[in-house]
Each structure stands twice: as structure tokens, then as C-alpha cells.
Amino acid sequence: MSVTTFDPSATPITVTDRALKYFHRNAKDGGGSLIRLSVKKSGCSGFAYVLDFVDSASESDRLIDLDDQLVLAVDNEAVNVVHGTEIDLVTEGLNHVIKFNNPNVVAECGCGESFSVN
């Protein structure tokens, strides 16, 4: 048995190089330099990820510098749900899709739109 301790000072999110390149392309197309990650109640499993380019962060957001040009703002209410998540860009057929590899997820709905955590 192992014990994991929540460290609030640790970076709760990582972003792969593929996803970072994708965000840079979208930022150049007018998306901006601040990306906000939050979750909302949704679907049959409980939560859905919300990822948007925004003009400013909320006062309670946790800011993570992805590089010298992009910042990820994580909604304070979502930090415990998304802690340890890796954001990746994957190819599914002909499409590129942002994937959230979240170690906290215990179940997902059949369509993949929502998830639940302990």
C-alpha cells in the first residue's frame, strides 16, 4: 500500500509539447496568451473539462507558466479534481483532440464527455 500526500505547492498540471504547440498556434490566431482550465457539472458521470482562451484570470485562479508566452490559469475550485493531470494533443482518425490524462478519474461516461472522481 502506498500513501500519496497532496502538495498544494506542486504544479498540478503538465502539458505535453504537442499540446503546447497546439496552444501556440491558437494563440497566434487570436486566442490570447492565457488559457483557463476549469470543470463544470455535466453529463452522466459528473464533471466535464472546460478549456478556454481568456483575457484575464479570476482572482482565485492558480497560474502556471507554460513557457515565456503562455500561462495556464487553473480554477481554484477545480485544482483538487485536476491535480496531476497531463494535457495532451492526440490524433483520433483525421482529427486532433485535446486529451486530459487525469489520474483522479475513477469513471467516465460512454461517450467520453464527462467523468467522476473520488
PDB file of N, CA and C in Angstrom:
ATOM      1  N   MET A   1       0.848  -1.169   0.000  1.00  0.00           N
ATOM      2  CA  MET A   1       0.000   0.000   0.000  1.00  0.00           C
ATOM      3  C   MET A   1       0.892   1.230   0.000  1.00  0.00           C
ATOM      4  N   SER A   2       0.500   2.219  -0.802  1.00  0.00           N
ATOM      5  CA  SER A   2       1.258   3.461  -0.836  1.00  0.00           C
ATOM      6  C   SER A   2       0.363   4.618  -0.417  1.00  0.00           C
ATOM      7  N   VAL A   3       0.985   5.637   0.093  1.00  0.00           N
ATOM      8  CA  VAL A   3       0.270   6.827   0.531  1.00  0.00           C
ATOM      9  C   VAL A   3       0.742   7.996  -0.312  1.00  0.00           C
ATOM     10  N   THR A   4      -0.217   8.735  -0.863  1.00  0.00           N
ATOM     11  CA  THR A   4       0.099   9.920  -1.642  1.00  0.00           C
ATOM     12  C   THR A   4      -0.327  11.134  -0.850  1.00  0.00           C
ATOM     13  N   THR A   5       0.551  12.089  -0.715  1.00  0.00           N
ATOM     14  CA  THR A   5       0.255  13.313   0.011  1.00  0.00           C
ATOM     15  C   THR A   5       0.015  14.427  -0.987  1.00  0.00           C
ATOM     16  N   PHE A   6      -1.070  15.153  -0.803  1.00  0.00           N
ATOM     17  CA  PHE A   6      -1.369  16.288  -1.666  1.00  0.00           C
ATOM     18  C   PHE A   6      -0.460  17.446  -1.308  1.00  0.00           C
ATOM     19  N   ASP A   7       0.300  17.915  -2.284  1.00  0.00           N
ATOM     20  CA  ASP A   7       1.204  19.041  -2.085  1.00  0.00           C
ATOM     21  C   ASP A   7       0.661  20.228  -2.870  1.00  0.00           C
ATOM     22  N   PRO A   8      -0.005  21.183  -2.216  1.00  0.00           N
ATOM     23  CA  PRO A   8      -0.617  22.297  -2.927  1.00  0.00           C
ATOM     24  C   PRO A   8       0.387  23.202  -3.630  1.00  0.00           C
ATOM     25  N   SER A   9       1.666  23.120  -3.266  1.00  0.00           N
ATOM     26  CA  SER A   9       2.661  23.955  -3.926  1.00  0.00           C
ATOM     27  C   SER A   9       3.200  23.305  -5.204  1.00  0.00           C
ATOM     28  N   ALA A  10       2.934  22.019  -5.389  1.00  0.00           N
ATOM     29  CA  ALA A  10       3.402  21.321  -6.588  1.00  0.00           C
ATOM     30  C   ALA A  10       2.554  21.737  -7.789  1.00  0.00           C
ATOM     31  N   THR A  11       3.156  21.686  -8.970  1.00  0.00           N
ATOM     32  CA  THR A  11       2.428  22.021 -10.191  1.00  0.00           C
ATOM     33  C   THR A  11       1.352  20.965 -10.420  1.00  0.00           C
ATOM     34  N   PRO A  12       0.090  21.362 -10.436  1.00  0.00           N
ATOM     35  CA  PRO A  12      -0.986  20.386 -10.540  1.00  0.00           C
ATOM     36  C   PRO A  12      -1.226  19.871 -11.960  1.00  0.00           C
ATOM     37  N   ILE A  13      -0.687  20.541 -12.961  1.00  0.00           N
ATOM     38  CA  ILE A  13      -0.976  20.209 -14.354  1.00  0.00           C
ATOM     39  C   ILE A  13       0.323  20.198 -15.149  1.00  0.00           C
ATOM     40  N   THR A  14       0.430  19.243 -16.076  1.00  0.00           N
ATOM     41  CA  THR A  14       1.519  19.276 -17.042  1.00  0.00           C
ATOM     42  C   THR A  14       0.916  19.309 -18.436  1.00  0.00           C
ATOM     43  N   VAL A  15       1.658  19.863 -19.369  1.00  0.00           N
ATOM     44  CA  VAL A  15       1.202  19.998 -20.751  1.00  0.00           C
ATOM     45  C   VAL A  15       2.293  19.418 -21.650  1.00  0.00           C
ATOM     46  N   THR A  16       1.913  18.503 -22.541  1.00  0.00           N
ATOM     47  CA  THR A  16       2.890  17.898 -23.443  1.00  0.00           C
ATOM     48  C   THR A  16       3.336  18.917 -24.489  1.00  0.00           C
ATOM     49  N   ASP A  17       4.463  18.631 -25.125  1.00  0.00           N
ATOM     50  CA  ASP A  17       4.961  19.514 -26.192  1.00  0.00           C
ATOM     51  C   ASP A  17       3.956  19.639 -27.316  1.00  0.00           C
ATOM     52  N   ARG A  18       3.285  18.536 -27.671  1.00  0.00           N
ATOM     53  CA  ARG A  18       2.273  18.584 -28.748  1.00  0.00           C
ATOM     54  C   ARG A  18       1.141  19.538 -28.390  1.00  0.00           C
ATOM     55  N   ALA A  19       0.656  19.449 -27.161  1.00  0.00           N
ATOM     56  CA  ALA A  19      -0.438  20.330 -26.734  1.00  0.00           C
ATOM     57  C   ALA A  19       0.036  21.778 -26.676  1.00  0.00           C
ATOM     58  N   LEU A  20       1.262  21.994 -26.208  1.00  0.00           N
ATOM     59  CA  LEU A  20       1.798  23.355 -26.127  1.00  0.00           C
ATOM     60  C   LEU A  20       1.890  23.983 -27.516  1.00  0.00           C
ATOM     61  N   LYS A  21       2.360  23.230 -28.496  1.00  0.00           N
ATOM     62  CA  LYS A  21       2.425  23.731 -29.874  1.00  0.00           C
ATOM     63  C   LYS A  21       1.035  24.075 -30.388  1.00  0.00           C
ATOM     64  N   TYR A  22       0.058  23.238 -30.069  1.00  0.00           N
ATOM     65  CA  TYR A  22      -1.330  23.486 -30.457  1.00  0.00           C
ATOM     66  C   TYR A  22      -1.840  24.793 -29.839  1.00  0.00           C
ATOM     67  N   PHE A  23      -1.558  24.998 -28.553  1.00  0.00           N
ATOM     68  CA  PHE A  23      -1.982  26.225 -27.886  1.00  0.00           C
ATOM     69  C   PHE A  23      -1.299  27.445 -28.499  1.00  0.00           C
ATOM     70  N   HIS A  24      -0.033  27.328 -28.854  1.00  0.00           N
ATOM     71  CA  HIS A  24       0.669  28.439 -29.506  1.00  0.00           C
ATOM     72  C   HIS A  24       0.031  28.789 -30.844  1.00  0.00           C
ATOM     73  N   ARG A  25      -0.319  27.776 -31.632  1.00  0.00           N
ATOM     74  CA  ARG A  25      -0.982  28.045 -32.921  1.00  0.00           C
ATOM     75  C   ARG A  25      -2.296  28.786 -32.706  1.00  0.00           C
ATOM     76  N   ASN A  26      -3.071  28.358 -31.736  1.00  0.00           N
ATOM     77  CA  ASN A  26      -4.347  29.006 -31.460  1.00  0.00           C
ATOM     78  C   ASN A  26      -4.168  30.396 -30.885  1.00  0.00           C
ATOM     79  N   ALA A  27      -3.118  30.612 -30.098  1.00  0.00           N
ATOM     80  CA  ALA A  27      -2.848  31.940 -29.559  1.00  0.00           C
ATOM     81  C   ALA A  27      -2.525  32.907 -30.687  1.00  0.00           C
ATOM     82  N   LYS A  28      -1.767  32.447 -31.686  1.00  0.00           N
ATOM     83  CA  LYS A  28      -1.427  33.294 -32.828  1.00  0.00           C
ATOM     84  C   LYS A  28      -2.651  33.637 -33.656  1.00  0.00           C
ATOM     85  N   ASP A  29      -3.656  32.766 -33.629  1.00  0.00           N
ATOM     86  CA  ASP A  29      -4.897  33.001 -34.373  1.00  0.00           C
ATOM     87  C   ASP A  29      -5.880  33.857 -33.590  1.00  0.00           C
ATOM     88  N   GLY A  30      -5.394  34.557 -32.584  1.00  0.00           N
ATOM     89  CA  GLY A  30      -6.245  35.483 -31.835  1.00  0.00           C
ATOM     90  C   GLY A  30      -6.774  34.939 -30.534  1.00  0.00           C
ATOM     91  N   GLY A  31      -6.292  33.779 -30.116  1.00  0.00           N
ATOM     92  CA  GLY A  31      -6.791  33.183 -28.882  1.00  0.00           C
ATOM     93  C   GLY A  31      -6.319  33.885 -27.633  1.00  0.00           C
ATOM     94  N   GLY A  32      -5.152  34.519 -27.671  1.00  0.00           N
ATOM     95  CA  GLY A  32      -4.605  35.168 -26.488  1.00  0.00           C
ATOM     96  C   GLY A  32      -3.535  34.316 -25.849  1.00  0.00           C
ATOM     97  N   SER A  33      -2.996  34.786 -24.745  1.00  0.00           N
ATOM     98  CA  SER A  33      -1.885  34.083 -24.101  1.00  0.00           C
ATOM     99  C   SER A  33      -2.251  33.470 -22.749  1.00  0.00           C
ATOM    100  N   LEU A  34      -3.518  33.534 -22.371  1.00  0.00           N
ATOM    101  CA  LEU A  34      -3.965  32.974 -21.101  1.00  0.00           C
ATOM    102  C   LEU A  34      -5.017  31.900 -21.380  1.00  0.00           C
ATOM    103  N   ILE A  35      -4.719  30.685 -20.932  1.00  0.00           N
ATOM    104  CA  ILE A  35      -5.624  29.554 -21.116  1.00  0.00           C
ATOM    105  C   ILE A  35      -6.189  29.217 -19.755  1.00  0.00           C
ATOM    106  N   ARG A  36      -7.510  29.077 -19.648  1.00  0.00           N
ATOM    107  CA  ARG A  36      -8.134  28.793 -18.352  1.00  0.00           C
ATOM    108  C   ARG A  36      -8.741  27.398 -18.361  1.00  0.00           C
ATOM    109  N   LEU A  37      -8.379  26.613 -17.351  1.00  0.00           N
ATOM    110  CA  LEU A  37      -8.913  25.274 -17.174  1.00  0.00           C
ATOM    111  C   LEU A  37      -9.827  25.262 -15.964  1.00  0.00           C
ATOM    112  N   SER A  38     -11.032  24.780 -16.186  1.00  0.00           N
ATOM    113  CA  SER A  38     -11.978  24.617 -15.096  1.00  0.00           C
ATOM    114  C   SER A  38     -12.785  23.345 -15.365  1.00  0.00           C
ATOM    115  N   VAL A  39     -13.639  22.987 -14.438  1.00  0.00           N
ATOM    116  CA  VAL A  39     -14.553  21.863 -14.634  1.00  0.00           C
ATOM    117  C   VAL A  39     -15.957  22.359 -14.335  1.00  0.00           C
ATOM    118  N   LYS A  40     -16.918  21.691 -14.946  1.00  0.00           N
ATOM    119  CA  LYS A  40     -18.318  22.025 -14.666  1.00  0.00           C
ATOM    120  C   LYS A  40     -19.080  20.730 -14.457  1.00  0.00           C
ATOM    121  N   LYS A  41     -20.167  20.802 -13.714  1.00  0.00           N
ATOM    122  CA  LYS A  41     -21.046  19.651 -13.544  1.00  0.00           C
ATOM    123  C   LYS A  41     -21.674  19.366 -14.898  1.00  0.00           C
ATOM    124  N   SER A  42     -21.576  18.091 -15.329  1.00  0.00           N
ATOM    125  CA  SER A  42     -22.062  17.785 -16.658  1.00  0.00           C
ATOM    126  C   SER A  42     -22.236  16.284 -16.841  1.00  0.00           C
ATOM    127  N   GLY A  43     -23.108  15.939 -17.764  1.00  0.00           N
ATOM    128  CA  GLY A  43     -23.227  14.559 -18.223  1.00  0.00           C
ATOM    129  C   GLY A  43     -23.667  13.589 -17.155  1.00  0.00           C
ATOM    130  N   CYS A  44     -23.522  12.324 -17.499  1.00  0.00           N
ATOM    131  CA  CYS A  44     -23.988  11.262 -16.603  1.00  0.00           C
ATOM    132  C   CYS A  44     -22.956  10.878 -15.552  1.00  0.00           C
ATOM    133  N   SER A  45     -21.701  11.295 -15.716  1.00  0.00           N
ATOM    134  CA  SER A  45     -20.668  10.904 -14.756  1.00  0.00           C
ATOM    135  C   SER A  45     -20.321  11.981 -13.740  1.00  0.00           C
ATOM    136  N   GLY A  46     -20.601  13.235 -14.019  1.00  0.00           N
ATOM    137  CA  GLY A  46     -20.355  14.250 -13.004  1.00  0.00           C
ATOM    138  C   GLY A  46     -19.697  15.524 -13.464  1.00  0.00           C
ATOM    139  N   PHE A  47     -18.504  15.443 -14.082  1.00  0.00           N
ATOM    140  CA  PHE A  47     -17.762  16.641 -14.453  1.00  0.00           C
ATOM    141  C   PHE A  47     -17.377  16.610 -15.927  1.00  0.00           C
ATOM    142  N   ALA A  48     -17.153  17.799 -16.465  1.00  0.00           N
ATOM    143  CA  ALA A  48     -16.586  17.953 -17.809  1.00  0.00           C
ATOM    144  C   ALA A  48     -15.517  19.033 -17.731  1.00  0.00           C
ATOM    145  N   TYR A  49     -14.465  18.874 -18.534  1.00  0.00           N
ATOM    146  CA  TYR A  49     -13.398  19.867 -18.584  1.00  0.00           C
ATOM    147  C   TYR A  49     -13.848  21.057 -19.414  1.00  0.00           C
ATOM    148  N   VAL A  50     -13.419  22.249 -19.000  1.00  0.00           N
ATOM    149  CA  VAL A  50     -13.649  23.467 -19.764  1.00  0.00           C
ATOM    150  C   VAL A  50     -12.287  24.118 -19.964  1.00  0.00           C
ATOM    151  N   LEU A  51     -11.894  24.294 -21.213  1.00  0.00           N
ATOM    152  CA  LEU A  51     -10.594  24.856 -21.550  1.00  0.00           C
ATOM    153  C   LEU A  51     -10.829  25.983 -22.537  1.00  0.00           C
ATOM    154  N   ASP A  52     -10.498  27.218 -22.147  1.00  0.00           N
ATOM    155  CA  ASP A  52     -10.766  28.394 -22.966  1.00  0.00           C
ATOM    156  C   ASP A  52      -9.596  29.363 -22.943  1.00  0.00           C
ATOM    157  N   PHE A  53      -9.406  30.088 -24.036  1.00  0.00           N
ATOM    158  CA  PHE A  53      -8.533  31.252 -24.013  1.00  0.00           C
ATOM    159  C   PHE A  53      -9.341  32.388 -23.407  1.00  0.00           C
ATOM    160  N   VAL A  54      -8.751  33.108 -22.447  1.00  0.00           N
ATOM    161  CA  VAL A  54      -9.445  34.201 -21.767  1.00  0.00           C
ATOM    162  C   VAL A  54      -8.549  35.435 -21.733  1.00  0.00           C
ATOM    163  N   ASP A  55      -9.177  36.581 -21.470  1.00  0.00           N
ATOM    164  CA  ASP A  55      -8.436  37.837 -21.395  1.00  0.00           C
ATOM    165  C   ASP A  55      -7.741  38.027 -20.049  1.00  0.00           C
ATOM    166  N   SER A  56      -8.364  37.489 -18.989  1.00  0.00           N
ATOM    167  CA  SER A  56      -7.766  37.649 -17.663  1.00  0.00           C
ATOM    168  C   SER A  56      -8.168  36.484 -16.775  1.00  0.00           C
ATOM    169  N   ALA A  57      -7.362  36.228 -15.780  1.00  0.00           N
ATOM    170  CA  ALA A  57      -7.637  35.161 -14.826  1.00  0.00           C
ATOM    171  C   ALA A  57      -8.549  35.683 -13.725  1.00  0.00           C
ATOM    172  N   SER A  58      -9.237  34.763 -13.078  1.00  0.00           N
ATOM    173  CA  SER A  58     -10.001  35.118 -11.888  1.00  0.00           C
ATOM    174  C   SER A  58      -9.022  35.303 -10.742  1.00  0.00           C
ATOM    175  N   GLU A  59      -9.421  36.059  -9.754  1.00  0.00           N
ATOM    176  CA  GLU A  59      -8.540  36.357  -8.635  1.00  0.00           C
ATOM    177  C   GLU A  59      -8.068  35.094  -7.918  1.00  0.00           C
ATOM    178  N   SER A  60      -8.918  34.077  -7.857  1.00  0.00           N
ATOM    179  CA  SER A  60      -8.571  32.858  -7.130  1.00  0.00           C
ATOM    180  C   SER A  60      -7.898  31.788  -8.001  1.00  0.00           C
ATOM    181  N   ASP A  61      -7.722  32.048  -9.291  1.00  0.00           N
ATOM    182  CA  ASP A  61      -7.090  31.069 -10.175  1.00  0.00           C
ATOM    183  C   ASP A  61      -5.644  30.811  -9.784  1.00  0.00           C
ATOM    184  N   ARG A  62      -5.199  29.608  -9.991  1.00  0.00           N
ATOM    185  CA  ARG A  62      -3.801  29.231  -9.799  1.00  0.00           C
ATOM    186  C   ARG A  62      -3.102  29.364 -11.146  1.00  0.00           C
ATOM    187  N   LEU A  63      -2.072  30.186 -11.237  1.00  0.00           N
ATOM    188  CA  LEU A  63      -1.391  30.457 -12.502  1.00  0.00           C
ATOM    189  C   LEU A  63      -0.156  29.582 -12.649  1.00  0.00           C
ATOM    190  N   ILE A  64      -0.035  28.973 -13.834  1.00  0.00           N
ATOM    191  CA  ILE A  64       1.097  28.114 -14.152  1.00  0.00           C
ATOM    192  C   ILE A  64       1.700  28.609 -15.452  1.00  0.00           C
ATOM    193  N   ASP A  65       2.957  29.035 -15.413  1.00  0.00           N
ATOM    194  CA  ASP A  65       3.645  29.472 -16.629  1.00  0.00           C
ATOM    195  C   ASP A  65       3.991  28.237 -17.450  1.00  0.00           C
ATOM    196  N   LEU A  66       3.406  28.132 -18.650  1.00  0.00           N
ATOM    197  CA  LEU A  66       3.723  27.014 -19.527  1.00  0.00           C
ATOM    198  C   LEU A  66       5.054  27.243 -20.232  1.00  0.00           C
ATOM    199  N   ASP A  67       5.303  28.495 -20.580  1.00  0.00           N
ATOM    200  CA  ASP A  67       6.586  28.950 -21.132  1.00  0.00           C
ATOM    201  C   ASP A  67       6.582  30.468 -21.017  1.00  0.00           C
ATOM    202  N   ASP A  68       7.456  31.157 -21.737  1.00  0.00           N
ATOM    203  CA  ASP A  68       7.526  32.613 -21.604  1.00  0.00           C
ATOM    204  C   ASP A  68       6.403  33.343 -22.338  1.00  0.00           C
ATOM    205  N   GLN A  69       5.515  32.605 -23.033  1.00  0.00           N
ATOM    206  CA  GLN A  69       4.433  33.245 -23.777  1.00  0.00           C
ATOM    207  C   GLN A  69       3.032  32.841 -23.326  1.00  0.00           C
ATOM    208  N   LEU A  70       2.895  31.648 -22.771  1.00  0.00           N
ATOM    209  CA  LEU A  70       1.570  31.142 -22.404  1.00  0.00           C
ATOM    210  C   LEU A  70       1.475  30.841 -20.913  1.00  0.00           C
ATOM    211  N   VAL A  71       0.310  31.165 -20.355  1.00  0.00           N
ATOM    212  CA  VAL A  71       0.022  30.902 -18.942  1.00  0.00           C
ATOM    213  C   VAL A  71      -1.262  30.095 -18.863  1.00  0.00           C
ATOM    214  N   LEU A  72      -1.252  29.081 -18.006  1.00  0.00           N
ATOM    215  CA  LEU A  72      -2.445  28.294 -17.735  1.00  0.00           C
ATOM    216  C   LEU A  72      -3.011  28.754 -16.402  1.00  0.00           C
ATOM    217  N   ALA A  73      -4.268  29.168 -16.400  1.00  0.00           N
ATOM    218  CA  ALA A  73      -4.971  29.554 -15.179  1.00  0.00           C
ATOM    219  C   ALA A  73      -5.891  28.399 -14.797  1.00  0.00           C
ATOM    220  N   VAL A  74      -5.664  27.818 -13.644  1.00  0.00           N
ATOM    221  CA  VAL A  74      -6.486  26.698 -13.187  1.00  0.00           C
ATOM    222  C   VAL A  74      -7.456  27.217 -12.145  1.00  0.00           C
ATOM    223  N   ASP A  75      -8.731  27.025 -12.419  1.00  0.00           N
ATOM    224  CA  ASP A  75      -9.780  27.439 -11.496  1.00  0.00           C
ATOM    225  C   ASP A  75      -9.528  26.805 -10.135  1.00  0.00           C
ATOM    226  N   ASN A  76      -9.510  27.611  -9.086  1.00  0.00           N
ATOM    227  CA  ASN A  76      -9.234  27.130  -7.740  1.00  0.00           C
ATOM    228  C   ASN A  76     -10.200  26.024  -7.332  1.00  0.00           C
ATOM    229  N   GLU A  77     -11.435  26.092  -7.784  1.00  0.00           N
ATOM    230  CA  GLU A  77     -12.427  25.068  -7.454  1.00  0.00           C
ATOM    231  C   GLU A  77     -12.112  23.739  -8.140  1.00  0.00           C
ATOM    232  N   ALA A  78     -11.310  23.763  -9.206  1.00  0.00           N
ATOM    233  CA  ALA A  78     -11.003  22.556  -9.969  1.00  0.00           C
ATOM    234  C   ALA A  78      -9.665  21.924  -9.592  1.00  0.00           C
ATOM    235  N   VAL A  79      -8.850  22.605  -8.806  1.00  0.00           N
ATOM    236  CA  VAL A  79      -7.484  22.133  -8.539  1.00  0.00           C
ATOM    237  C   VAL A  79      -7.471  20.707  -8.000  1.00  0.00           C
ATOM    238  N   ASN A  80      -8.310  20.386  -7.030  1.00  0.00           N
ATOM    239  CA  ASN A  80      -8.309  19.037  -6.469  1.00  0.00           C
ATOM    240  C   ASN A  80      -8.780  17.993  -7.475  1.00  0.00           C
ATOM    241  N   VAL A  81      -9.676  18.363  -8.361  1.00  0.00           N
ATOM    242  CA  VAL A  81     -10.203  17.436  -9.366  1.00  0.00           C
ATOM    243  C   VAL A  81      -9.168  17.156 -10.456  1.00  0.00           C
ATOM    244  N   VAL A  82      -8.389  18.157 -10.833  1.00  0.00           N
ATOM    245  CA  VAL A  82      -7.458  18.009 -11.958  1.00  0.00           C
ATOM    246  C   VAL A  82      -5.998  17.853 -11.523  1.00  0.00           C
ATOM    247  N   HIS A  83      -5.730  17.814 -10.234  1.00  0.00           N
ATOM    248  CA  HIS A  83      -4.354  17.714  -9.743  1.00  0.00           C
ATOM    249  C   HIS A  83      -3.664  16.480 -10.338  1.00  0.00           C
ATOM    250  N   GLY A  84      -2.506  16.671 -10.942  1.00  0.00           N
ATOM    251  CA  GLY A  84      -1.755  15.573 -11.539  1.00  0.00           C
ATOM    252  C   GLY A  84      -2.105  15.296 -12.991  1.00  0.00           C
ATOM    253  N   THR A  85      -3.009  16.067 -13.560  1.00  0.00           N
ATOM    254  CA  THR A  85      -3.454  15.842 -14.934  1.00  0.00           C
ATOM    255  C   THR A  85      -2.398  16.254 -15.946  1.00  0.00           C
ATOM    256  N   GLU A  86      -2.288  15.462 -16.999  1.00  0.00           N
ATOM    257  CA  GLU A  86      -1.460  15.808 -18.154  1.00  0.00           C
ATOM    258  C   GLU A  86      -2.397  16.165 -19.296  1.00  0.00           C
ATOM    259  N   ILE A  87      -2.168  17.332 -19.900  1.00  0.00           N
ATOM    260  CA  ILE A  87      -2.945  17.750 -21.068  1.00  0.00           C
ATOM    261  C   ILE A  87      -2.120  17.390 -22.294  1.00  0.00           C
ATOM    262  N   ASP A  88      -2.731  16.645 -23.218  1.00  0.00           N
ATOM    263  CA  ASP A  88      -2.033  16.168 -24.407  1.00  0.00           C
ATOM    264  C   ASP A  88      -2.877  16.437 -25.638  1.00  0.00           C
ATOM    265  N   LEU A  89      -2.235  16.439 -26.781  1.00  0.00           N
ATOM    266  CA  LEU A  89      -2.920  16.528 -28.072  1.00  0.00           C
ATOM    267  C   LEU A  89      -2.699  15.195 -28.762  1.00  0.00           C
ATOM    268  N   VAL A  90      -3.788  14.493 -29.078  1.00  0.00           N
ATOM    269  CA  VAL A  90      -3.690  13.181 -29.707  1.00  0.00           C
ATOM    270  C   VAL A  90      -4.431  13.200 -31.037  1.00  0.00           C
ATOM    271  N   THR A  91      -4.065  12.263 -31.899  1.00  0.00           N
ATOM    272  CA  THR A  91      -4.739  12.113 -33.185  1.00  0.00           C
ATOM    273  C   THR A  91      -5.729  10.971 -33.079  1.00  0.00           C
ATOM    274  N   GLU A  92      -6.969  11.256 -33.413  1.00  0.00           N
ATOM    275  CA  GLU A  92      -8.019  10.241 -33.452  1.00  0.00           C
ATOM    276  C   GLU A  92      -8.606  10.275 -34.852  1.00  0.00           C
ATOM    277  N   GLY A  93      -8.230   9.297 -35.669  1.00  0.00           N
ATOM    278  CA  GLY A  93      -8.658   9.308 -37.064  1.00  0.00           C
ATOM    279  C   GLY A  93      -8.018  10.483 -37.777  1.00  0.00           C
ATOM    280  N   LEU A  94      -8.833  11.368 -38.322  1.00  0.00           N
ATOM    281  CA  LEU A  94      -8.335  12.549 -39.020  1.00  0.00           C
ATOM    282  C   LEU A  94      -8.301  13.789 -38.134  1.00  0.00           C
ATOM    283  N   ASN A  95      -8.747  13.639 -36.905  1.00  0.00           N
ATOM    284  CA  ASN A  95      -8.879  14.792 -36.006  1.00  0.00           C
ATOM    285  C   ASN A  95      -7.782  14.829 -34.951  1.00  0.00           C
ATOM    286  N   HIS A  96      -7.468  16.036 -34.509  1.00  0.00           N
ATOM    287  CA  HIS A  96      -6.605  16.248 -33.352  1.00  0.00           C
ATOM    288  C   HIS A  96      -7.508  16.639 -32.189  1.00  0.00           C
ATOM    289  N   VAL A  97      -7.301  15.990 -31.051  1.00  0.00           N
ATOM    290  CA  VAL A  97      -8.177  16.178 -29.898  1.00  0.00           C
ATOM    291  C   VAL A  97      -7.334  16.417 -28.655  1.00  0.00           C
ATOM    292  N   ILE A  98      -7.741  17.393 -27.840  1.00  0.00           N
ATOM    293  CA  ILE A  98      -7.106  17.596 -26.540  1.00  0.00           C
ATOM    294  C   ILE A  98      -7.600  16.497 -25.614  1.00  0.00           C
ATOM    295  N   LYS A  99      -6.643  15.804 -24.972  1.00  0.00           N
ATOM    296  CA  LYS A  99      -6.958  14.733 -24.028  1.00  0.00           C
ATOM    297  C   LYS A  99      -6.446  15.124 -22.645  1.00  0.00           C
ATOM    298  N   PHE A 100      -7.216  14.788 -21.654  1.00  0.00           N
ATOM    299  CA  PHE A 100      -6.850  15.036 -20.270  1.00  0.00           C
ATOM    300  C   PHE A 100      -6.558  13.685 -19.631  1.00  0.00           C
ATOM    301  N   ASN A 101      -5.298  13.428 -19.335  1.00  0.00           N
ATOM    302  CA  ASN A 101      -4.896  12.196 -18.665  1.00  0.00           C
ATOM    303  C   ASN A 101      -4.869  12.480 -17.172  1.00  0.00           C
ATOM    304  N   ASN A 102      -6.016  12.249 -16.544  1.00  0.00           N
ATOM    305  CA  ASN A 102      -6.241  12.631 -15.158  1.00  0.00           C
ATOM    306  C   ASN A 102      -6.206  11.394 -14.261  1.00  0.00           C
ATOM    307  N   PRO A 103      -5.211  11.298 -13.370  1.00  0.00           N
ATOM    308  CA  PRO A 103      -5.112  10.123 -12.507  1.00  0.00           C
ATOM    309  C   PRO A 103      -6.216  10.027 -11.456  1.00  0.00           C
ATOM    310  N   ASN A 104      -7.001  11.078 -11.290  1.00  0.00           N
ATOM    311  CA  ASN A 104      -8.063  11.094 -10.291  1.00  0.00           C
ATOM    312  C   ASN A 104      -9.376  10.514 -10.799  1.00  0.00           C
ATOM    313  N   VAL A 105      -9.479  10.291 -12.103  1.00  0.00           N
ATOM    314  CA  VAL A 105     -10.725   9.812 -12.699  1.00  0.00           C
ATOM    315  C   VAL A 105     -10.945   8.349 -12.322  1.00  0.00           C
ATOM    316  N   VAL A 106     -12.144   8.065 -11.807  1.00  0.00           N
ATOM    317  CA  VAL A 106     -12.498   6.688 -11.454  1.00  0.00           C
ATOM    318  C   VAL A 106     -13.536   6.115 -12.410  1.00  0.00           C
ATOM    319  N   ALA A 107     -14.222   6.971 -13.170  1.00  0.00           N
ATOM    320  CA  ALA A 107     -15.212   6.501 -14.140  1.00  0.00           C
ATOM    321  C   ALA A 107     -15.446   7.578 -15.185  1.00  0.00           C
ATOM    322  N   GLU A 108     -15.767   7.144 -16.384  1.00  0.00           N
ATOM    323  CA  GLU A 108     -16.112   8.056 -17.474  1.00  0.00           C
ATOM    324  C   GLU A 108     -17.403   7.574 -18.114  1.00  0.00           C
ATOM    325  N   CYS A 109     -18.165   8.495 -18.669  1.00  0.00           N
ATOM    326  CA  CYS A 109     -19.372   8.084 -19.364  1.00  0.00           C
ATOM    327  C   CYS A 109     -18.975   7.431 -20.690  1.00  0.00           C
ATOM    328  N   GLY A 110     -19.878   6.734 -21.301  1.00  0.00           N
ATOM    329  CA  GLY A 110     -19.603   6.004 -22.529  1.00  0.00           C
ATOM    330  C   GLY A 110     -19.161   6.876 -23.683  1.00  0.00           C
ATOM    331  N   CYS A 111     -19.651   8.104 -23.749  1.00  0.00           N
ATOM    332  CA  CYS A 111     -19.293   8.988 -24.867  1.00  0.00           C
ATOM    333  C   CYS A 111     -18.010   9.766 -24.580  1.00  0.00           C
ATOM    334  N   GLY A 112     -17.489   9.696 -23.345  1.00  0.00           N
ATOM    335  CA  GLY A 112     -16.247  10.374 -23.010  1.00  0.00           C
ATOM    336  C   GLY A 112     -16.394  11.853 -22.693  1.00  0.00           C
ATOM    337  N   GLU A 113     -17.615  12.339 -22.576  1.00  0.00           N
ATOM    338  CA  GLU A 113     -17.845  13.759 -22.312  1.00  0.00           C
ATOM    339  C   GLU A 113     -17.712  14.126 -20.847  1.00  0.00           C
ATOM    340  N   SER A 114     -17.973  13.173 -19.959  1.00  0.00           N
ATOM    341  CA  SER A 114     -17.926  13.504 -18.533  1.00  0.00           C
ATOM    342  C   SER A 114     -17.188  12.424 -17.764  1.00  0.00           C
ATOM    343  N   PHE A 115     -16.786  12.775 -16.542  1.00  0.00           N
ATOM    344  CA  PHE A 115     -16.000  11.867 -15.716  1.00  0.00           C
ATOM    345  C   PHE A 115     -16.352  12.087 -14.252  1.00  0.00           C
ATOM    346  N   SER A 116     -15.969  11.115 -13.429  1.00  0.00           N
ATOM    347  CA  SER A 116     -16.155  11.273 -11.986  1.00  0.00           C
ATOM    348  C   SER A 116     -14.843  10.970 -11.278  1.00  0.00           C
ATOM    349  N   VAL A 117     -14.704  11.529 -10.083  1.00  0.00           N
ATOM    350  CA  VAL A 117     -13.520  11.344  -9.252  1.00  0.00           C
ATOM    351  C   VAL A 117     -13.980  10.925  -7.867  1.00  0.00           C
ATOM    352  N   ASN A 118     -13.038  10.375  -7.081  1.00  0.00           N
ATOM    353  CA  ASN A 118     -13.363  10.033  -5.678  1.00  0.00           C
ATOM    354  C   ASN A 118     -13.517  11.268  -4.847  1.00  0.00           C
TER     355      ASN A 118
END
